[in-house]
PDB file of N, CA and C in Angstrom:
ATOM      1  N   MET A   1      36.124  15.707  11.073  1.00  0.00           N
ATOM      2  CA  MET A   1      36.481  15.536   9.814  1.00  0.00           C
ATOM      3  C   MET A   1      35.659  14.560   8.944  1.00  0.00           C
ATOM      4  N   PRO A   2      35.075  14.499   7.790  1.00  0.00           N
ATOM      5  CA  PRO A   2      34.573  13.679   6.892  1.00  0.00           C
ATOM      6  C   PRO A   2      35.538  12.271   6.612  1.00  0.00           C
ATOM      7  N   THR A   3      34.858  11.360   6.666  1.00  0.00           N
ATOM      8  CA  THR A   3      35.309   9.987   6.382  1.00  0.00           C
ATOM      9  C   THR A   3      35.492   9.974   4.900  1.00  0.00           C
ATOM     10  N   GLN A   4      36.637   9.821   4.048  1.00  0.00           N
ATOM     11  CA  GLN A   4      36.948   9.488   2.760  1.00  0.00           C
ATOM     12  C   GLN A   4      36.028   8.174   2.304  1.00  0.00           C
ATOM     13  N   LEU A   5      35.412   8.142   1.269  1.00  0.00           N
ATOM     14  CA  LEU A   5      34.552   7.124   0.921  1.00  0.00           C
ATOM     15  C   LEU A   5      35.723   6.522  -0.078  1.00  0.00           C
ATOM     16  N   PRO A   6      35.293   5.240  -0.129  1.00  0.00           N
ATOM     17  CA  PRO A   6      36.371   4.334  -1.196  1.00  0.00           C
ATOM     18  C   PRO A   6      36.077   4.376  -2.701  1.00  0.00           C
ATOM     19  N   LEU A   7      37.008   4.525  -3.398  1.00  0.00           N
ATOM     20  CA  LEU A   7      36.880   4.423  -4.774  1.00  0.00           C
ATOM     21  C   LEU A   7      36.531   3.168  -5.248  1.00  0.00           C
ATOM     22  N   CYS A   8      35.274   2.864  -6.346  1.00  0.00           N
ATOM     23  CA  CYS A   8      34.610   1.514  -6.513  1.00  0.00           C
ATOM     24  C   CYS A   8      36.116   0.987  -7.077  1.00  0.00           C
ATOM     25  N   PRO A   9      36.376  -0.603  -6.642  1.00  0.00           N
ATOM     26  CA  PRO A   9      37.500  -0.905  -7.384  1.00  0.00           C
ATOM     27  C   PRO A   9      37.145  -1.608  -8.487  1.00  0.00           C
ATOM     28  N   ARG A  10      35.947  -1.709  -8.952  1.00  0.00           N
ATOM     29  CA  ARG A  10      35.692  -2.687 -10.283  1.00  0.00           C
ATOM     30  C   ARG A  10      35.696  -1.448 -11.113  1.00  0.00           C
ATOM     31  N   CYS A  11      35.164  -0.346 -11.325  1.00  0.00           N
ATOM     32  CA  CYS A  11      34.703   0.634 -12.338  1.00  0.00           C
ATOM     33  C   CYS A  11      35.608   1.895 -12.200  1.00  0.00           C
ATOM     34  N   GLU A  12      36.235   1.993 -10.723  1.00  0.00           N
ATOM     35  CA  GLU A  12      36.744   3.276 -10.642  1.00  0.00           C
ATOM     36  C   GLU A  12      36.414   4.614 -11.108  1.00  0.00           C
ATOM     37  N   GLU A  13      35.083   4.947 -11.153  1.00  0.00           N
ATOM     38  CA  GLU A  13      34.183   5.754 -11.528  1.00  0.00           C
ATOM     39  C   GLU A  13      33.305   6.624 -10.637  1.00  0.00           C
ATOM     40  N   ASP A  14      33.098   5.872  -9.204  1.00  0.00           N
ATOM     41  CA  ASP A  14      32.089   6.616  -8.364  1.00  0.00           C
ATOM     42  C   ASP A  14      32.824   6.226  -6.878  1.00  0.00           C
ATOM     43  N   TRP A  15      32.376   6.644  -5.913  1.00  0.00           N
ATOM     44  CA  TRP A  15      32.571   6.169  -4.565  1.00  0.00           C
ATOM     45  C   TRP A  15      31.717   5.263  -4.148  1.00  0.00           C
ATOM     46  N   VAL A  16      32.288   4.077  -3.068  1.00  0.00           N
ATOM     47  CA  VAL A  16      31.166   3.246  -2.533  1.00  0.00           C
ATOM     48  C   VAL A  16      30.657   3.771  -1.597  1.00  0.00           C
ATOM     49  N   HIS A  17      29.091   3.735  -1.483  1.00  0.00           N
ATOM     50  CA  HIS A  17      28.356   4.368  -0.612  1.00  0.00           C
ATOM     51  C   HIS A  17      27.809   3.001   0.326  1.00  0.00           C
ATOM     52  N   SER A  18      27.324   3.752   1.670  1.00  0.00           N
ATOM     53  CA  SER A  18      26.459   2.365   2.494  1.00  0.00           C
ATOM     54  C   SER A  18      25.053   2.673   2.166  1.00  0.00           C
ATOM     55  N   TYR A  19      24.312   1.748   1.974  1.00  0.00           N
ATOM     56  CA  TYR A  19      22.972   1.738   1.668  1.00  0.00           C
ATOM     57  C   TYR A  19      22.321   0.765   2.784  1.00  0.00           C
ATOM     58  N   ARG A  20      20.975   0.452   2.697  1.00  0.00           N
ATOM     59  CA  ARG A  20      20.568  -0.557   3.509  1.00  0.00           C
ATOM     60  C   ARG A  20      18.971  -0.874   2.783  1.00  0.00           C
ATOM     61  N   PHE A  21      18.514  -2.025   3.035  1.00  0.00           N
ATOM     62  CA  PHE A  21      17.554  -2.326   2.617  1.00  0.00           C
ATOM     63  C   PHE A  21      16.389  -1.875   3.427  1.00  0.00           C
ATOM     64  N   LYS A  22      15.147  -1.669   2.841  1.00  0.00           N
ATOM     65  CA  LYS A  22      14.157  -0.781   3.483  1.00  0.00           C
ATOM     66  C   LYS A  22      13.324  -1.853   4.422  1.00  0.00           C
ATOM     67  N   ASP A  23      13.209  -3.286   4.230  1.00  0.00           N
ATOM     68  CA  ASP A  23      12.378  -4.140   4.715  1.00  0.00           C
ATOM     69  C   ASP A  23      13.154  -4.620   5.886  1.00  0.00           C
ATOM     70  N   ASP A  24      14.346  -4.519   5.974  1.00  0.00           N
ATOM     71  CA  ASP A  24      14.696  -5.181   7.137  1.00  0.00           C
ATOM     72  C   ASP A  24      15.765  -4.370   7.664  1.00  0.00           C
ATOM     73  N   GLY A  25      16.553  -3.358   7.307  1.00  0.00           N
ATOM     74  CA  GLY A  25      17.441  -2.821   7.414  1.00  0.00           C
ATOM     75  C   GLY A  25      18.751  -3.256   7.111  1.00  0.00           C
ATOM     76  N   SER A  26      19.159  -4.387   6.666  1.00  0.00           N
ATOM     77  CA  SER A  26      20.222  -5.204   6.160  1.00  0.00           C
ATOM     78  C   SER A  26      21.029  -3.974   5.323  1.00  0.00           C
ATOM     79  N   THR A  27      22.248  -3.636   5.953  1.00  0.00           N
ATOM     80  CA  THR A  27      23.342  -2.723   5.422  1.00  0.00           C
ATOM     81  C   THR A  27      23.979  -3.437   4.069  1.00  0.00           C
ATOM     82  N   PHE A  28      24.401  -2.781   3.347  1.00  0.00           N
ATOM     83  CA  PHE A  28      25.579  -3.128   2.194  1.00  0.00           C
ATOM     84  C   PHE A  28      26.440  -1.828   1.541  1.00  0.00           C
ATOM     85  N   SER A  29      26.962  -2.080   1.018  1.00  0.00           N
ATOM     86  CA  SER A  29      28.020  -1.156   0.156  1.00  0.00           C
ATOM     87  C   SER A  29      27.633  -1.155  -1.154  1.00  0.00           C
ATOM     88  N   LEU A  30      27.587   0.111  -1.903  1.00  0.00           N
ATOM     89  CA  LEU A  30      27.127  -0.128  -3.602  1.00  0.00           C
ATOM     90  C   LEU A  30      27.753   1.163  -3.929  1.00  0.00           C
ATOM     91  N   CYS A  31      28.302   0.836  -5.459  1.00  0.00           N
ATOM     92  CA  CYS A  31      28.463   1.720  -6.001  1.00  0.00           C
ATOM     93  C   CYS A  31      27.418   2.062  -6.957  1.00  0.00           C
ATOM     94  N   THR A  32      26.944   3.196  -7.197  1.00  0.00           N
ATOM     95  CA  THR A  32      25.920   3.924  -8.158  1.00  0.00           C
ATOM     96  C   THR A  32      25.981   3.674  -9.115  1.00  0.00           C
ATOM     97  N   GLU A  33      27.531   3.918  -9.823  1.00  0.00           N
ATOM     98  CA  GLU A  33      27.691   4.181 -11.179  1.00  0.00           C
ATOM     99  C   GLU A  33      27.868   2.625 -11.765  1.00  0.00           C
ATOM    100  N   CYS A  34      28.364   1.667 -11.184  1.00  0.00           N
ATOM    101  CA  CYS A  34      28.457   0.416 -11.634  1.00  0.00           C
ATOM    102  C   CYS A  34      27.353  -0.903 -11.341  1.00  0.00           C
ATOM    103  N   ASP A  35      26.501  -0.309 -10.168  1.00  0.00           N
ATOM    104  CA  ASP A  35      25.747  -1.326  -9.049  1.00  0.00           C
ATOM    105  C   ASP A  35      26.417  -2.572  -8.726  1.00  0.00           C
ATOM    106  N   SER A  36      27.942  -2.125  -8.494  1.00  0.00           N
ATOM    107  CA  SER A  36      28.482  -3.093  -7.793  1.00  0.00           C
ATOM    108  C   SER A  36      28.228  -3.125  -6.251  1.00  0.00           C
ATOM    109  N   PHE A  37      27.966  -4.529  -5.623  1.00  0.00           N
ATOM    110  CA  PHE A  37      27.356  -4.552  -4.315  1.00  0.00           C
ATOM    111  C   PHE A  37      28.269  -5.365  -3.268  1.00  0.00           C
ATOM    112  N   TRP A  38      28.416  -5.032  -2.096  1.00  0.00           N
ATOM    113  CA  TRP A  38      29.272  -5.694  -1.078  1.00  0.00           C
ATOM    114  C   TRP A  38      28.490  -5.978   0.175  1.00  0.00           C
ATOM    115  N   TRP A  39      28.329  -7.019   0.580  1.00  0.00           N
ATOM    116  CA  TRP A  39      27.557  -7.212   2.096  1.00  0.00           C
ATOM    117  C   TRP A  39      28.812  -6.762   2.859  1.00  0.00           C
ATOM    118  N   PRO A  40      28.585  -6.372   4.244  1.00  0.00           N
ATOM    119  CA  PRO A  40      29.541  -6.131   5.049  1.00  0.00           C
ATOM    120  C   PRO A  40      30.648  -6.762   5.360  1.00  0.00           C
ATOM    121  N   HIS A  41      30.409  -8.083   5.114  1.00  0.00           N
ATOM    122  CA  HIS A  41      31.609  -9.058   5.601  1.00  0.00           C
ATOM    123  C   HIS A  41      32.522  -9.438   4.340  1.00  0.00           C
ATOM    124  N   ASP A  42      32.250  -8.837   3.079  1.00  0.00           N
ATOM    125  CA  ASP A  42      32.985  -8.790   1.987  1.00  0.00           C
ATOM    126  C   ASP A  42      34.016  -7.824   1.817  1.00  0.00           C
ATOM    127  N   ALA A  43      35.278  -7.972   1.420  1.00  0.00           N
ATOM    128  CA  ALA A  43      36.462  -7.022   1.203  1.00  0.00           C
ATOM    129  C   ALA A  43      36.009  -6.511  -0.055  1.00  0.00           C
ATOM    130  N   LEU A  44      36.270  -4.898  -0.025  1.00  0.00           N
ATOM    131  CA  LEU A  44      35.849  -4.256  -1.201  1.00  0.00           C
ATOM    132  C   LEU A  44      36.894  -4.256  -2.339  1.00  0.00           C
ATOM    133  N   GLU A  45      36.901  -5.379  -3.116  1.00  0.00           N
ATOM    134  CA  GLU A  45      37.684  -5.595  -4.096  1.00  0.00           C
ATOM    135  C   GLU A  45      37.465  -6.462  -5.107  1.00  0.00           C
ATOM    136  N   ILE A  46      38.185  -6.348  -6.339  1.00  0.00           N
ATOM    137  CA  ILE A  46      37.391  -6.532  -7.547  1.00  0.00           C
ATOM    138  C   ILE A  46      36.822  -7.878  -7.705  1.00  0.00           C
ATOM    139  N   PRO A  47      37.402  -8.896  -7.268  1.00  0.00           N
ATOM    140  CA  PRO A  47      36.606 -10.191  -7.293  1.00  0.00           C
ATOM    141  C   PRO A  47      35.346 -10.395  -6.436  1.00  0.00           C
ATOM    142  N   ASN A  48      35.329  -9.774  -5.738  1.00  0.00           N
ATOM    143  CA  ASN A  48      34.210  -9.796  -4.782  1.00  0.00           C
ATOM    144  C   ASN A  48      32.630  -9.451  -5.018  1.00  0.00           C
ATOM    145  N   PRO A  49      32.617  -8.517  -5.976  1.00  0.00           N
ATOM    146  CA  PRO A  49      31.249  -7.680  -5.705  1.00  0.00           C
ATOM    147  C   PRO A  49      30.187  -8.667  -6.423  1.00  0.00           C
ATOM    148  N   ARG A  50      28.953  -8.536  -5.762  1.00  0.00           N
ATOM    149  CA  ARG A  50      27.701  -8.962  -6.566  1.00  0.00           C
ATOM    150  C   ARG A  50      27.254  -7.906  -7.435  1.00  0.00           C
ATOM    151  N   PHE A  51      26.119  -8.059  -7.838  1.00  0.00           N
ATOM    152  CA  PHE A  51      25.598  -6.759  -8.695  1.00  0.00           C
ATOM    153  C   PHE A  51      23.913  -6.676  -7.912  1.00  0.00           C
ATOM    154  N   LEU A  52      24.011  -5.632  -7.620  1.00  0.00           N
ATOM    155  CA  LEU A  52      22.372  -4.986  -7.040  1.00  0.00           C
ATOM    156  C   LEU A  52      21.310  -5.710  -7.810  1.00  0.00           C
ATOM    157  N   ASP A  53      21.337  -5.812  -9.151  1.00  0.00           N
ATOM    158  CA  ASP A  53      19.869  -6.408  -9.675  1.00  0.00           C
ATOM    159  C   ASP A  53      19.973  -7.977  -9.196  1.00  0.00           C
ATOM    160  N   ASP A  54      20.998  -8.691  -9.082  1.00  0.00           N
ATOM    161  CA  ASP A  54      20.764  -9.843  -8.639  1.00  0.00           C
ATOM    162  C   ASP A  54      20.451  -9.943  -7.334  1.00  0.00           C
ATOM    163  N   VAL A  55      20.910  -9.297  -6.393  1.00  0.00           N
ATOM    164  CA  VAL A  55      20.692  -9.431  -5.158  1.00  0.00           C
ATOM    165  C   VAL A  55      19.166  -9.192  -4.704  1.00  0.00           C
ATOM    166  N   VAL A  56      18.569  -8.225  -5.043  1.00  0.00           N
ATOM    167  CA  VAL A  56      17.429  -7.858  -5.135  1.00  0.00           C
ATOM    168  C   VAL A  56      16.455  -8.618  -5.560  1.00  0.00           C
ATOM    169  N   ALA A  57      16.937  -9.207  -7.021  1.00  0.00           N
ATOM    170  CA  ALA A  57      15.996 -10.015  -7.530  1.00  0.00           C
ATOM    171  C   ALA A  57      16.000 -11.641  -6.625  1.00  0.00           C
ATOM    172  N   ALA A  58      16.967 -12.007  -6.174  1.00  0.00           N
ATOM    173  CA  ALA A  58      16.675 -13.298  -5.076  1.00  0.00           C
ATOM    174  C   ALA A  58      16.268 -12.860  -3.908  1.00  0.00           C
ATOM    175  N   ARG A  59      16.327 -11.562  -3.299  1.00  0.00           N
ATOM    176  CA  ARG A  59      15.589 -11.425  -1.875  1.00  0.00           C
ATOM    177  C   ARG A  59      14.277 -11.669  -2.420  1.00  0.00           C
ATOM    178  N   LEU A  60      13.739 -10.946  -3.528  1.00  0.00           N
ATOM    179  CA  LEU A  60      12.158 -10.476  -4.138  1.00  0.00           C
ATOM    180  C   LEU A  60      11.742 -12.097  -4.651  1.00  0.00           C
ATOM    181  N   GLY A  61      12.431 -13.004  -5.223  1.00  0.00           N
ATOM    182  CA  GLY A  61      12.436 -14.273  -5.455  1.00  0.00           C
ATOM    183  C   GLY A  61      11.665 -13.879  -7.021  1.00  0.00           C
ATOM    184  N   VAL A  62      12.441 -12.995  -7.788  1.00  0.00           N
ATOM    185  CA  VAL A  62      11.868 -12.748  -8.890  1.00  0.00           C
ATOM    186  C   VAL A  62      12.898 -13.069 -10.208  1.00  0.00           C
ATOM    187  N   PRO A  63      12.831 -13.435 -11.415  1.00  0.00           N
ATOM    188  CA  PRO A  63      13.830 -13.522 -12.157  1.00  0.00           C
ATOM    189  C   PRO A  63      13.944 -12.685 -12.900  1.00  0.00           C
ATOM    190  N   GLY A  64      15.298 -12.169 -13.396  1.00  0.00           N
ATOM    191  CA  GLY A  64      15.795 -11.148 -14.338  1.00  0.00           C
ATOM    192  C   GLY A  64      15.867  -9.705 -13.391  1.00  0.00           C
ATOM    193  N   ASN A  65      15.319  -8.916 -14.313  1.00  0.00           N
ATOM    194  CA  ASN A  65      15.373  -7.357 -13.748  1.00  0.00           C
ATOM    195  C   ASN A  65      14.069  -7.108 -12.601  1.00  0.00           C
ATOM    196  N   PRO A  66      14.756  -7.061 -11.291  1.00  0.00           N
ATOM    197  CA  PRO A  66      13.613  -6.663 -10.130  1.00  0.00           C
ATOM    198  C   PRO A  66      13.164  -5.094 -10.227  1.00  0.00           C
ATOM    199  N   TRP A  67      13.653  -4.575 -11.183  1.00  0.00           N
ATOM    200  CA  TRP A  67      13.114  -3.089 -11.218  1.00  0.00           C
ATOM    201  C   TRP A  67      12.076  -2.922 -12.242  1.00  0.00           C
ATOM    202  N   SER A  68      11.337  -3.368 -13.197  1.00  0.00           N
ATOM    203  CA  SER A  68      10.683  -3.453 -14.086  1.00  0.00           C
ATOM    204  C   SER A  68       9.401  -3.109 -13.427  1.00  0.00           C
ATOM    205  N   ALA A  69       8.701  -3.433 -11.858  1.00  0.00           N
ATOM    206  CA  ALA A  69       7.746  -2.907 -11.475  1.00  0.00           C
ATOM    207  C   ALA A  69       7.981  -2.433 -10.282  1.00  0.00           C
ATOM    208  N   ARG A  70       9.163  -1.827  -9.896  1.00  0.00           N
ATOM    209  CA  ARG A  70       9.806  -0.810  -8.718  1.00  0.00           C
ATOM    210  C   ARG A  70      10.940   0.010  -8.968  1.00  0.00           C
ATOM    211  N   GLU A  71      10.863   0.731  -7.837  1.00  0.00           N
ATOM    212  CA  GLU A  71      12.201   1.595  -8.124  1.00  0.00           C
ATOM    213  C   GLU A  71      12.833   1.174  -7.006  1.00  0.00           C
ATOM    214  N   TRP A  72      14.157   1.980  -6.946  1.00  0.00           N
ATOM    215  CA  TRP A  72      15.382   1.756  -5.980  1.00  0.00           C
ATOM    216  C   TRP A  72      14.527   2.440  -4.762  1.00  0.00           C
ATOM    217  N   ALA A  73      14.287   3.328  -4.755  1.00  0.00           N
ATOM    218  CA  ALA A  73      13.769   4.209  -3.403  1.00  0.00           C
ATOM    219  C   ALA A  73      12.718   3.177  -2.880  1.00  0.00           C
ATOM    220  N   GLU A  74      11.702   2.497  -3.382  1.00  0.00           N
ATOM    221  CA  GLU A  74      10.819   1.210  -2.896  1.00  0.00           C
ATOM    222  C   GLU A  74      11.969   0.375  -2.194  1.00  0.00           C
ATOM    223  N   ALA A  75      13.024  -0.067  -2.512  1.00  0.00           N
ATOM    224  CA  ALA A  75      13.526  -1.079  -1.971  1.00  0.00           C
ATOM    225  C   ALA A  75      14.889  -1.067  -1.072  1.00  0.00           C
ATOM    226  N   ILE A  76      15.624   0.235  -1.251  1.00  0.00           N
ATOM    227  CA  ILE A  76      16.723   0.659  -0.947  1.00  0.00           C
ATOM    228  C   ILE A  76      16.841   2.103  -0.309  1.00  0.00           C
ATOM    229  N   GLU A  77      17.916   2.363   0.478  1.00  0.00           N
ATOM    230  CA  GLU A  77      17.807   3.954   0.854  1.00  0.00           C
ATOM    231  C   GLU A  77      19.612   4.196   1.579  1.00  0.00           C
ATOM    232  N   PRO A  78      19.981   5.153   1.211  1.00  0.00           N
ATOM    233  CA  PRO A  78      21.479   5.280   1.451  1.00  0.00           C
ATOM    234  C   PRO A  78      21.177   5.806   2.899  1.00  0.00           C
ATOM    235  N   VAL A  79      22.285   5.160   3.852  1.00  0.00           N
ATOM    236  CA  VAL A  79      22.504   5.249   5.364  1.00  0.00           C
ATOM    237  C   VAL A  79      23.103   6.484   5.405  1.00  0.00           C
ATOM    238  N   GLY A  80      22.708   7.305   6.009  1.00  0.00           N
ATOM    239  CA  GLY A  80      23.128   8.872   6.281  1.00  0.00           C
ATOM    240  C   GLY A  80      24.646   8.929   7.152  1.00  0.00           C
ATOM    241  N   GLU A  81      25.305  10.126   7.068  1.00  0.00           N
ATOM    242  CA  GLU A  81      26.294  10.074   7.737  1.00  0.00           C
ATOM    243  C   GLU A  81      26.398   9.958   9.695  1.00  0.00           C
ATOM    244  N   GLY A  82      27.004   9.161   9.777  1.00  0.00           N
ATOM    245  CA  GLY A  82      27.216   8.722  11.541  1.00  0.00           C
ATOM    246  C   GLY A  82      25.819   7.555  11.852  1.00  0.00           C
ATOM    247  N   CYS A  83      25.293   7.042  10.615  1.00  0.00           N
ATOM    248  CA  CYS A  83      24.408   5.863  10.910  1.00  0.00           C
ATOM    249  C   CYS A  83      25.232   4.561  10.994  1.00  0.00           C
TER     250      CYS A  83
END
């Protein structure tokens, strides 16, 4: 039986999915509706999310929008069922 994904506590518009960074395999949880981001040790609660753009910009050492010269698929990918 498939596991029920949690509803995003911030926007309540989409489910929180598992993703990973392609460069090192670090996993995280992401709401693709509002780009709320949680590391595995973070509780999925309203006060805890970071935002995907901020985390990616910090990892790449670029100020502002990290997507001006790249697309999501270049940096992150969904973690499939059972991974």
